Amino acid sequence: MSELQSLGGGNFRVSSDLTTVTVPDLWAQSKKLFPPTDASFISIDVSNVVHVDSGGLALLVAWVRWANFRNKKFALQGKSGQLAVLIENNQLEKLFYSA
C-alpha cells in the first residue's frame, strides 16, 4: 500500500514507491494531509522510496506547485540516486533545489 505520513509541522514521509501505480493513492492522501498544515513549508522525506518513475516525478512536481500556490517552500529529503537522475534528466533542478 502506498502511504504518505504526516510527521507534523509541515514534514511528511513517503513510505512506498513513487510510480504511476502509487500516484493516485498518494495524491488523494496529500489532498487530505497538506491543507491542515499551517507551516511555512512542506518537506517530503523520500528516503524510503526505492523505485521512482515519471509518474512519481509528476506527483512531486504537483506537490511543489501546491506548495508554491500557497506561498510555502518545498523541500525533498533523502533523495535516491534514481530520483536525482530523473530530476536532472528532466531539467528540474531549479524546481527542487532552489534556495
PDB file of N, CA and C in Angstrom:
ATOM      1  N   MET A   1       0.841  -1.185   0.000  1.00  0.00           N
ATOM      2  CA  MET A   1       0.000   0.000   0.000  1.00  0.00           C
ATOM      3  C   MET A   1       0.883   1.245   0.000  1.00  0.00           C
ATOM      4  N   SER A   2       0.501   2.225  -0.784  1.00  0.00           N
ATOM      5  CA  SER A   2       1.234   3.486  -0.794  1.00  0.00           C
ATOM      6  C   SER A   2       0.779   4.328   0.393  1.00  0.00           C
ATOM      7  N   GLU A   3       1.748   5.008   0.982  1.00  0.00           N
ATOM      8  CA  GLU A   3       1.394   5.780   2.163  1.00  0.00           C
ATOM      9  C   GLU A   3       2.204   7.060   2.249  1.00  0.00           C
ATOM     10  N   LEU A   4       1.487   8.134   2.557  1.00  0.00           N
ATOM     11  CA  LEU A   4       2.075   9.424   2.864  1.00  0.00           C
ATOM     12  C   LEU A   4       1.754   9.696   4.328  1.00  0.00           C
ATOM     13  N   GLN A   5       2.787   9.838   5.144  1.00  0.00           N
ATOM     14  CA  GLN A   5       2.590  10.043   6.575  1.00  0.00           C
ATOM     15  C   GLN A   5       2.901  11.478   6.947  1.00  0.00           C
ATOM     16  N   SER A   6       2.055  12.049   7.785  1.00  0.00           N
ATOM     17  CA  SER A   6       2.339  13.362   8.341  1.00  0.00           C
ATOM     18  C   SER A   6       3.193  13.182   9.580  1.00  0.00           C
ATOM     19  N   LEU A   7       4.318  13.882   9.622  1.00  0.00           N
ATOM     20  CA  LEU A   7       5.206  13.838  10.780  1.00  0.00           C
ATOM     21  C   LEU A   7       5.023  15.077  11.642  1.00  0.00           C
ATOM     22  N   GLY A   8       4.119  15.957  11.234  1.00  0.00           N
ATOM     23  CA  GLY A   8       3.832  17.184  11.958  1.00  0.00           C
ATOM     24  C   GLY A   8       4.698  18.345  11.497  1.00  0.00           C
ATOM     25  N   GLY A   9       4.193  19.530  11.677  1.00  0.00           N
ATOM     26  CA  GLY A   9       4.948  20.745  11.384  1.00  0.00           C
ATOM     27  C   GLY A   9       5.340  20.918   9.924  1.00  0.00           C
ATOM     28  N   GLY A  10       4.539  20.401   8.990  1.00  0.00           N
ATOM     29  CA  GLY A  10       4.854  20.533   7.579  1.00  0.00           C
ATOM     30  C   GLY A  10       5.779  19.459   7.036  1.00  0.00           C
ATOM     31  N   ASN A  11       6.128  18.480   7.875  1.00  0.00           N
ATOM     32  CA  ASN A  11       7.010  17.381   7.474  1.00  0.00           C
ATOM     33  C   ASN A  11       6.183  16.133   7.165  1.00  0.00           C
ATOM     34  N   PHE A  12       6.542  15.488   6.037  1.00  0.00           N
ATOM     35  CA  PHE A  12       5.828  14.298   5.585  1.00  0.00           C
ATOM     36  C   PHE A  12       6.836  13.253   5.130  1.00  0.00           C
ATOM     37  N   ARG A  13       6.393  11.991   5.093  1.00  0.00           N
ATOM     38  CA  ARG A  13       7.251  10.898   4.637  1.00  0.00           C
ATOM     39  C   ARG A  13       6.456  10.011   3.685  1.00  0.00           C
ATOM     40  N   VAL A  14       7.084   9.677   2.567  1.00  0.00           N
ATOM     41  CA  VAL A  14       6.506   8.709   1.633  1.00  0.00           C
ATOM     42  C   VAL A  14       7.075   7.350   1.999  1.00  0.00           C
ATOM     43  N   SER A  15       6.187   6.395   2.254  1.00  0.00           N
ATOM     44  CA  SER A  15       6.611   5.048   2.645  1.00  0.00           C
ATOM     45  C   SER A  15       6.231   4.036   1.581  1.00  0.00           C
ATOM     46  N   SER A  16       6.473   4.376   0.346  1.00  0.00           N
ATOM     47  CA  SER A  16       6.208   3.464  -0.764  1.00  0.00           C
ATOM     48  C   SER A  16       6.993   3.949  -1.969  1.00  0.00           C
ATOM     49  N   ASP A  17       6.871   3.236  -3.055  1.00  0.00           N
ATOM     50  CA  ASP A  17       7.486   3.691  -4.295  1.00  0.00           C
ATOM     51  C   ASP A  17       6.709   4.891  -4.837  1.00  0.00           C
ATOM     52  N   LEU A  18       7.351   5.650  -5.689  1.00  0.00           N
ATOM     53  CA  LEU A  18       6.714   6.778  -6.373  1.00  0.00           C
ATOM     54  C   LEU A  18       6.597   6.392  -7.845  1.00  0.00           C
ATOM     55  N   THR A  19       5.515   5.699  -8.164  1.00  0.00           N
ATOM     56  CA  THR A  19       5.314   5.211  -9.527  1.00  0.00           C
ATOM     57  C   THR A  19       3.888   5.521  -9.970  1.00  0.00           C
ATOM     58  N   THR A  20       3.639   5.313 -11.238  1.00  0.00           N
ATOM     59  CA  THR A  20       2.292   5.556 -11.758  1.00  0.00           C
ATOM     60  C   THR A  20       1.244   4.721 -11.032  1.00  0.00           C
ATOM     61  N   VAL A  21       1.641   3.612 -10.458  1.00  0.00           N
ATOM     62  CA  VAL A  21       0.711   2.764  -9.705  1.00  0.00           C
ATOM     63  C   VAL A  21       0.345   3.394  -8.367  1.00  0.00           C
ATOM     64  N   THR A  22       1.309   4.021  -7.691  1.00  0.00           N
ATOM     65  CA  THR A  22       1.070   4.563  -6.346  1.00  0.00           C
ATOM     66  C   THR A  22       0.598   6.013  -6.348  1.00  0.00           C
ATOM     67  N   VAL A  23       0.789   6.717  -7.461  1.00  0.00           N
ATOM     68  CA  VAL A  23       0.469   8.150  -7.517  1.00  0.00           C
ATOM     69  C   VAL A  23      -0.976   8.464  -7.134  1.00  0.00           C
ATOM     70  N   PRO A  24      -1.990   7.769  -7.653  1.00  0.00           N
ATOM     71  CA  PRO A  24      -3.365   8.140  -7.287  1.00  0.00           C
ATOM     72  C   PRO A  24      -3.624   8.107  -5.778  1.00  0.00           C
ATOM     73  N   ASP A  25      -3.147   7.069  -5.108  1.00  0.00           N
ATOM     74  CA  ASP A  25      -3.339   6.986  -3.652  1.00  0.00           C
ATOM     75  C   ASP A  25      -2.578   8.089  -2.924  1.00  0.00           C
ATOM     76  N   LEU A  26      -1.331   8.317  -3.329  1.00  0.00           N
ATOM     77  CA  LEU A  26      -0.526   9.345  -2.669  1.00  0.00           C
ATOM     78  C   LEU A  26      -1.121  10.737  -2.893  1.00  0.00           C
ATOM     79  N   TRP A  27      -1.618  11.000  -4.092  1.00  0.00           N
ATOM     80  CA  TRP A  27      -2.242  12.302  -4.370  1.00  0.00           C
ATOM     81  C   TRP A  27      -3.490  12.493  -3.496  1.00  0.00           C
ATOM     82  N   ALA A  28      -4.319  11.464  -3.396  1.00  0.00           N
ATOM     83  CA  ALA A  28      -5.520  11.548  -2.560  1.00  0.00           C
ATOM     84  C   ALA A  28      -5.153  11.792  -1.099  1.00  0.00           C
ATOM     85  N   GLN A  29      -4.119  11.110  -0.621  1.00  0.00           N
ATOM     86  CA  GLN A  29      -3.691  11.301   0.765  1.00  0.00           C
ATOM     87  C   GLN A  29      -3.163  12.718   0.982  1.00  0.00           C
ATOM     88  N   SER A  30      -2.403  13.231   0.020  1.00  0.00           N
ATOM     89  CA  SER A  30      -1.841  14.572   0.175  1.00  0.00           C
ATOM     90  C   SER A  30      -2.934  15.631   0.197  1.00  0.00           C
ATOM     91  N   LYS A  31      -4.016  15.420  -0.546  1.00  0.00           N
ATOM     92  CA  LYS A  31      -5.116  16.387  -0.552  1.00  0.00           C
ATOM     93  C   LYS A  31      -5.773  16.488   0.819  1.00  0.00           C
ATOM     94  N   LYS A  32      -5.681  15.428   1.606  1.00  0.00           N
ATOM     95  CA  LYS A  32      -6.234  15.433   2.961  1.00  0.00           C
ATOM     96  C   LYS A  32      -5.218  15.917   3.992  1.00  0.00           C
ATOM     97  N   LEU A  33      -3.931  15.574   3.788  1.00  0.00           N
ATOM     98  CA  LEU A  33      -2.907  15.862   4.796  1.00  0.00           C
ATOM     99  C   LEU A  33      -2.283  17.253   4.672  1.00  0.00           C
ATOM    100  N   PHE A  34      -2.090  17.748   3.461  1.00  0.00           N
ATOM    101  CA  PHE A  34      -1.398  19.026   3.292  1.00  0.00           C
ATOM    102  C   PHE A  34      -2.213  20.231   3.779  1.00  0.00           C
ATOM    103  N   PRO A  35      -3.497  20.349   3.421  1.00  0.00           N
ATOM    104  CA  PRO A  35      -4.221  21.571   3.778  1.00  0.00           C
ATOM    105  C   PRO A  35      -4.248  21.938   5.263  1.00  0.00           C
ATOM    106  N   PRO A  36      -4.300  20.979   6.190  1.00  0.00           N
ATOM    107  CA  PRO A  36      -4.347  21.409   7.599  1.00  0.00           C
ATOM    108  C   PRO A  36      -3.060  22.058   8.106  1.00  0.00           C
ATOM    109  N   THR A  37      -1.946  21.837   7.426  1.00  0.00           N
ATOM    110  CA  THR A  37      -0.692  22.353   7.965  1.00  0.00           C
ATOM    111  C   THR A  37      -0.607  23.863   7.796  1.00  0.00           C
ATOM    112  N   ASP A  38      -0.225  24.529   8.865  1.00  0.00           N
ATOM    113  CA  ASP A  38      -0.042  25.983   8.783  1.00  0.00           C
ATOM    114  C   ASP A  38       1.446  26.342   8.737  1.00  0.00           C
ATOM    115  N   ALA A  39       2.293  25.336   8.571  1.00  0.00           N
ATOM    116  CA  ALA A  39       3.730  25.571   8.457  1.00  0.00           C
ATOM    117  C   ALA A  39       4.022  26.370   7.185  1.00  0.00           C
ATOM    118  N   SER A  40       5.147  27.054   7.165  1.00  0.00           N
ATOM    119  CA  SER A  40       5.525  27.858   6.001  1.00  0.00           C
ATOM    120  C   SER A  40       6.240  27.019   4.940  1.00  0.00           C
ATOM    121  N   PHE A  41       6.307  25.709   5.158  1.00  0.00           N
ATOM    122  CA  PHE A  41       6.992  24.828   4.213  1.00  0.00           C
ATOM    123  C   PHE A  41       6.319  23.458   4.191  1.00  0.00           C
ATOM    124  N   ILE A  42       6.607  22.733   3.132  1.00  0.00           N
ATOM    125  CA  ILE A  42       6.251  21.323   3.002  1.00  0.00           C
ATOM    126  C   ILE A  42       7.562  20.589   2.745  1.00  0.00           C
ATOM    127  N   SER A  43       7.907  19.658   3.606  1.00  0.00           N
ATOM    128  CA  SER A  43       9.118  18.870   3.450  1.00  0.00           C
ATOM    129  C   SER A  43       8.726  17.400   3.321  1.00  0.00           C
ATOM    130  N   ILE A  44       9.178  16.782   2.233  1.00  0.00           N
ATOM    131  CA  ILE A  44       8.839  15.390   1.962  1.00  0.00           C
ATOM    132  C   ILE A  44      10.092  14.536   2.087  1.00  0.00           C
ATOM    133  N   ASP A  45      10.065  13.583   3.002  1.00  0.00           N
ATOM    134  CA  ASP A  45      11.161  12.624   3.162  1.00  0.00           C
ATOM    135  C   ASP A  45      10.893  11.447   2.225  1.00  0.00           C
ATOM    136  N   VAL A  46      11.766  11.271   1.256  1.00  0.00           N
ATOM    137  CA  VAL A  46      11.621  10.175   0.290  1.00  0.00           C
ATOM    138  C   VAL A  46      12.716   9.123   0.465  1.00  0.00           C
ATOM    139  N   SER A  47      13.339   9.089   1.634  1.00  0.00           N
ATOM    140  CA  SER A  47      14.450   8.160   1.856  1.00  0.00           C
ATOM    141  C   SER A  47      14.019   6.698   1.811  1.00  0.00           C
ATOM    142  N   ASN A  48      12.726   6.399   2.037  1.00  0.00           N
ATOM    143  CA  ASN A  48      12.235   5.022   1.975  1.00  0.00           C
ATOM    144  C   ASN A  48      11.795   4.614   0.572  1.00  0.00           C
ATOM    145  N   VAL A  49      11.843   5.539  -0.360  1.00  0.00           N
ATOM    146  CA  VAL A  49      11.407   5.264  -1.728  1.00  0.00           C
ATOM    147  C   VAL A  49      12.508   4.513  -2.469  1.00  0.00           C
ATOM    148  N   VAL A  50      12.162   3.361  -3.038  1.00  0.00           N
ATOM    149  CA  VAL A  50      13.126   2.564  -3.786  1.00  0.00           C
ATOM    150  C   VAL A  50      12.985   2.824  -5.282  1.00  0.00           C
ATOM    151  N   HIS A  51      11.760   2.796  -5.788  1.00  0.00           N
ATOM    152  CA  HIS A  51      11.518   2.958  -7.222  1.00  0.00           C
ATOM    153  C   HIS A  51      10.778   4.260  -7.489  1.00  0.00           C
ATOM    154  N   VAL A  52      11.240   4.971  -8.521  1.00  0.00           N
ATOM    155  CA  VAL A  52      10.612   6.215  -8.954  1.00  0.00           C
ATOM    156  C   VAL A  52      10.501   6.158 -10.471  1.00  0.00           C
ATOM    157  N   ASP A  53       9.356   6.569 -10.996  1.00  0.00           N
ATOM    158  CA  ASP A  53       9.226   6.680 -12.441  1.00  0.00           C
ATOM    159  C   ASP A  53       8.668   8.057 -12.780  1.00  0.00           C
ATOM    160  N   SER A  54       8.351   8.270 -14.037  1.00  0.00           N
ATOM    161  CA  SER A  54       7.892   9.590 -14.474  1.00  0.00           C
ATOM    162  C   SER A  54       6.586   9.993 -13.787  1.00  0.00           C
ATOM    163  N   GLY A  55       5.749   9.019 -13.466  1.00  0.00           N
ATOM    164  CA  GLY A  55       4.517   9.327 -12.733  1.00  0.00           C
ATOM    165  C   GLY A  55       4.817   9.857 -11.340  1.00  0.00           C
ATOM    166  N   GLY A  56       5.794   9.248 -10.672  1.00  0.00           N
ATOM    167  CA  GLY A  56       6.201   9.723  -9.352  1.00  0.00           C
ATOM    168  C   GLY A  56       6.816  11.103  -9.413  1.00  0.00           C
ATOM    169  N   LEU A  57       7.616  11.346 -10.446  1.00  0.00           N
ATOM    170  CA  LEU A  57       8.206  12.670 -10.628  1.00  0.00           C
ATOM    171  C   LEU A  57       7.111  13.704 -10.868  1.00  0.00           C
ATOM    172  N   ALA A  58       6.110  13.348 -11.652  1.00  0.00           N
ATOM    173  CA  ALA A  58       4.987  14.259 -11.900  1.00  0.00           C
ATOM    174  C   ALA A  58       4.257  14.585 -10.595  1.00  0.00           C
ATOM    175  N   LEU A  59       4.116  13.601  -9.719  1.00  0.00           N
ATOM    176  CA  LEU A  59       3.482  13.854  -8.423  1.00  0.00           C
ATOM    177  C   LEU A  59       4.306  14.838  -7.604  1.00  0.00           C
ATOM    178  N   LEU A  60       5.618  14.668  -7.598  1.00  0.00           N
ATOM    179  CA  LEU A  60       6.475  15.604  -6.861  1.00  0.00           C
ATOM    180  C   LEU A  60       6.338  17.021  -7.418  1.00  0.00           C
ATOM    181  N   VAL A  61       6.262  17.143  -8.739  1.00  0.00           N
ATOM    182  CA  VAL A  61       6.069  18.462  -9.356  1.00  0.00           C
ATOM    183  C   VAL A  61       4.718  19.037  -8.925  1.00  0.00           C
ATOM    184  N   ALA A  62       3.681  18.210  -8.879  1.00  0.00           N
ATOM    185  CA  ALA A  62       2.362  18.674  -8.432  1.00  0.00           C
ATOM    186  C   ALA A  62       2.417  19.151  -6.985  1.00  0.00           C
ATOM    187  N   TRP A  63       3.178  18.449  -6.146  1.00  0.00           N
ATOM    188  CA  TRP A  63       3.304  18.872  -4.752  1.00  0.00           C
ATOM    189  C   TRP A  63       4.052  20.198  -4.641  1.00  0.00           C
ATOM    190  N   VAL A  64       5.078  20.378  -5.460  1.00  0.00           N
ATOM    191  CA  VAL A  64       5.792  21.660  -5.472  1.00  0.00           C
ATOM    192  C   VAL A  64       4.831  22.773  -5.872  1.00  0.00           C
ATOM    193  N   ARG A  65       4.054  22.529  -6.910  1.00  0.00           N
ATOM    194  CA  ARG A  65       3.087  23.537  -7.369  1.00  0.00           C
ATOM    195  C   ARG A  65       2.060  23.834  -6.281  1.00  0.00           C
ATOM    196  N   TRP A  66       1.594  22.811  -5.580  1.00  0.00           N
ATOM    197  CA  TRP A  66       0.634  23.000  -4.498  1.00  0.00           C
ATOM    198  C   TRP A  66       1.243  23.925  -3.437  1.00  0.00           C
ATOM    199  N   ALA A  67       2.484  23.637  -3.057  1.00  0.00           N
ATOM    200  CA  ALA A  67       3.156  24.452  -2.035  1.00  0.00           C
ATOM    201  C   ALA A  67       3.369  25.879  -2.529  1.00  0.00           C
ATOM    202  N   ASN A  68       3.851  26.036  -3.752  1.00  0.00           N
ATOM    203  CA  ASN A  68       4.105  27.369  -4.289  1.00  0.00           C
ATOM    204  C   ASN A  68       2.835  28.206  -4.367  1.00  0.00           C
ATOM    205  N   PHE A  69       1.741  27.596  -4.767  1.00  0.00           N
ATOM    206  CA  PHE A  69       0.470  28.298  -4.881  1.00  0.00           C
ATOM    207  C   PHE A  69       0.016  28.829  -3.526  1.00  0.00           C
ATOM    208  N   ARG A  70       0.453  28.175  -2.464  1.00  0.00           N
ATOM    209  CA  ARG A  70       0.074  28.582  -1.110  1.00  0.00           C
ATOM    210  C   ARG A  70       1.206  29.312  -0.387  1.00  0.00           C
ATOM    211  N   ASN A  71       2.188  29.774  -1.168  1.00  0.00           N
ATOM    212  CA  ASN A  71       3.330  30.522  -0.636  1.00  0.00           C
ATOM    213  C   ASN A  71       4.099  29.754   0.440  1.00  0.00           C
ATOM    214  N   LYS A  72       4.263  28.462   0.208  1.00  0.00           N
ATOM    215  CA  LYS A  72       5.047  27.626   1.105  1.00  0.00           C
ATOM    216  C   LYS A  72       6.295  27.163   0.364  1.00  0.00           C
ATOM    217  N   LYS A  73       7.393  27.063   1.066  1.00  0.00           N
ATOM    218  CA  LYS A  73       8.601  26.492   0.488  1.00  0.00           C
ATOM    219  C   LYS A  73       8.434  24.979   0.424  1.00  0.00           C
ATOM    220  N   PHE A  74       9.166  24.354  -0.490  1.00  0.00           N
ATOM    221  CA  PHE A  74       9.086  22.911  -0.665  1.00  0.00           C
ATOM    222  C   PHE A  74      10.484  22.335  -0.604  1.00  0.00           C
ATOM    223  N   ALA A  75      10.623  21.201   0.093  1.00  0.00           N
ATOM    224  CA  ALA A  75      11.925  20.540   0.182  1.00  0.00           C
ATOM    225  C   ALA A  75      11.753  19.030   0.086  1.00  0.00           C
ATOM    226  N   LEU A  76      12.695  18.406  -0.610  1.00  0.00           N
ATOM    227  CA  LEU A  76      12.783  16.941  -0.646  1.00  0.00           C
ATOM    228  C   LEU A  76      13.938  16.519   0.237  1.00  0.00           C
ATOM    229  N   GLN A  77      13.725  15.510   1.043  1.00  0.00           N
ATOM    230  CA  GLN A  77      14.765  14.979   1.917  1.00  0.00           C
ATOM    231  C   GLN A  77      15.031  13.526   1.533  1.00  0.00           C
ATOM    232  N   GLY A  78      16.295  13.120   1.529  1.00  0.00           N
ATOM    233  CA  GLY A  78      16.659  11.726   1.330  1.00  0.00           C
ATOM    234  C   GLY A  78      16.475  11.210  -0.084  1.00  0.00           C
ATOM    235  N   LYS A  79      16.785  12.034  -1.065  1.00  0.00           N
ATOM    236  CA  LYS A  79      16.616  11.626  -2.465  1.00  0.00           C
ATOM    237  C   LYS A  79      17.548  10.485  -2.834  1.00  0.00           C
ATOM    238  N   SER A  80      17.005   9.503  -3.551  1.00  0.00           N
ATOM    239  CA  SER A  80      17.817   8.399  -4.060  1.00  0.00           C
ATOM    240  C   SER A  80      18.541   8.849  -5.323  1.00  0.00           C
ATOM    241  N   GLY A  81      19.517   8.075  -5.735  1.00  0.00           N
ATOM    242  CA  GLY A  81      20.214   8.364  -6.976  1.00  0.00           C
ATOM    243  C   GLY A  81      19.273   8.351  -8.166  1.00  0.00           C
ATOM    244  N   GLN A  82      18.327   7.406  -8.160  1.00  0.00           N
ATOM    245  CA  GLN A  82      17.374   7.297  -9.256  1.00  0.00           C
ATOM    246  C   GLN A  82      16.532   8.564  -9.370  1.00  0.00           C
ATOM    247  N   LEU A  83      16.065   9.088  -8.252  1.00  0.00           N
ATOM    248  CA  LEU A  83      15.264  10.308  -8.272  1.00  0.00           C
ATOM    249  C   LEU A  83      16.105  11.495  -8.711  1.00  0.00           C
ATOM    250  N   ALA A  84      17.325  11.587  -8.220  1.00  0.00           N
ATOM    251  CA  ALA A  84      18.213  12.680  -8.616  1.00  0.00           C
ATOM    252  C   ALA A  84      18.458  12.667 -10.125  1.00  0.00           C
ATOM    253  N   VAL A  85      18.631  11.483 -10.699  1.00  0.00           N
ATOM    254  CA  VAL A  85      18.845  11.361 -12.144  1.00  0.00           C
ATOM    255  C   VAL A  85      17.596  11.805 -12.907  1.00  0.00           C
ATOM    256  N   LEU A  86      16.419  11.391 -12.440  1.00  0.00           N
ATOM    257  CA  LEU A  86      15.175  11.815 -13.097  1.00  0.00           C
ATOM    258  C   LEU A  86      15.017  13.331 -13.062  1.00  0.00           C
ATOM    259  N   ILE A  87      15.321  13.921 -11.922  1.00  0.00           N
ATOM    260  CA  ILE A  87      15.225  15.377 -11.795  1.00  0.00           C
ATOM    261  C   ILE A  87      16.187  16.057 -12.758  1.00  0.00           C
ATOM    262  N   GLU A  88      17.419  15.560 -12.810  1.00  0.00           N
ATOM    263  CA  GLU A  88      18.422  16.153 -13.695  1.00  0.00           C
ATOM    264  C   GLU A  88      18.063  15.943 -15.164  1.00  0.00           C
ATOM    265  N   ASN A  89      17.657  14.734 -15.548  1.00  0.00           N
ATOM    266  CA  ASN A  89      17.327  14.448 -16.940  1.00  0.00           C
ATOM    267  C   ASN A  89      16.149  15.274 -17.453  1.00  0.00           C
ATOM    268  N   ASN A  90      15.271  15.677 -16.537  1.00  0.00           N
ATOM    269  CA  ASN A  90      14.122  16.486 -16.915  1.00  0.00           C
ATOM    270  C   ASN A  90      14.337  17.975 -16.647  1.00  0.00           C
ATOM    271  N   GLN A  91      15.574  18.323 -16.316  1.00  0.00           N
ATOM    272  CA  GLN A  91      15.985  19.710 -16.082  1.00  0.00           C
ATOM    273  C   GLN A  91      15.088  20.406 -15.054  1.00  0.00           C
ATOM    274  N   LEU A  92      14.864  19.721 -13.938  1.00  0.00           N
ATOM    275  CA  LEU A  92      14.015  20.251 -12.877  1.00  0.00           C
ATOM    276  C   LEU A  92      14.808  20.642 -11.630  1.00  0.00           C
ATOM    277  N   GLU A  93      16.121  20.767 -11.783  1.00  0.00           N
ATOM    278  CA  GLU A  93      16.955  21.091 -10.621  1.00  0.00           C
ATOM    279  C   GLU A  93      16.487  22.363  -9.929  1.00  0.00           C
ATOM    280  N   LYS A  94      16.189  23.401 -10.695  1.00  0.00           N
ATOM    281  CA  LYS A  94      15.778  24.677 -10.084  1.00  0.00           C
ATOM    282  C   LYS A  94      14.502  24.534  -9.299  1.00  0.00           C
ATOM    283  N   LEU A  95      13.620  23.669  -9.756  1.00  0.00           N
ATOM    284  CA  LEU A  95      12.355  23.461  -9.068  1.00  0.00           C
ATOM    285  C   LEU A  95      12.555  22.797  -7.708  1.00  0.00           C
ATOM    286  N   PHE A  96      13.466  21.820  -7.658  1.00  0.00           N
ATOM    287  CA  PHE A  96      13.652  21.057  -6.425  1.00  0.00           C
ATOM    288  C   PHE A  96      14.840  21.514  -5.583  1.00  0.00           C
ATOM    289  N   TYR A  97      15.784  22.220  -6.165  1.00  0.00           N
ATOM    290  CA  TYR A  97      16.996  22.559  -5.422  1.00  0.00           C
ATOM    291  C   TYR A  97      17.182  24.057  -5.219  1.00  0.00           C
ATOM    292  N   SER A  98      16.150  24.841  -5.473  1.00  0.00           N
ATOM    293  CA  SER A  98      16.310  26.292  -5.284  1.00  0.00           C
ATOM    294  C   SER A  98      16.350  26.620  -3.803  1.00  0.00           C
ATOM    295  N   ALA A  99      17.033  27.705  -3.506  1.00  0.00           N
ATOM    296  CA  ALA A  99      17.197  28.113  -2.087  1.00  0.00           C
ATOM    297  C   ALA A  99      15.982  28.820  -1.583  1.00  0.00           C
TER     298      ALA A  99
END
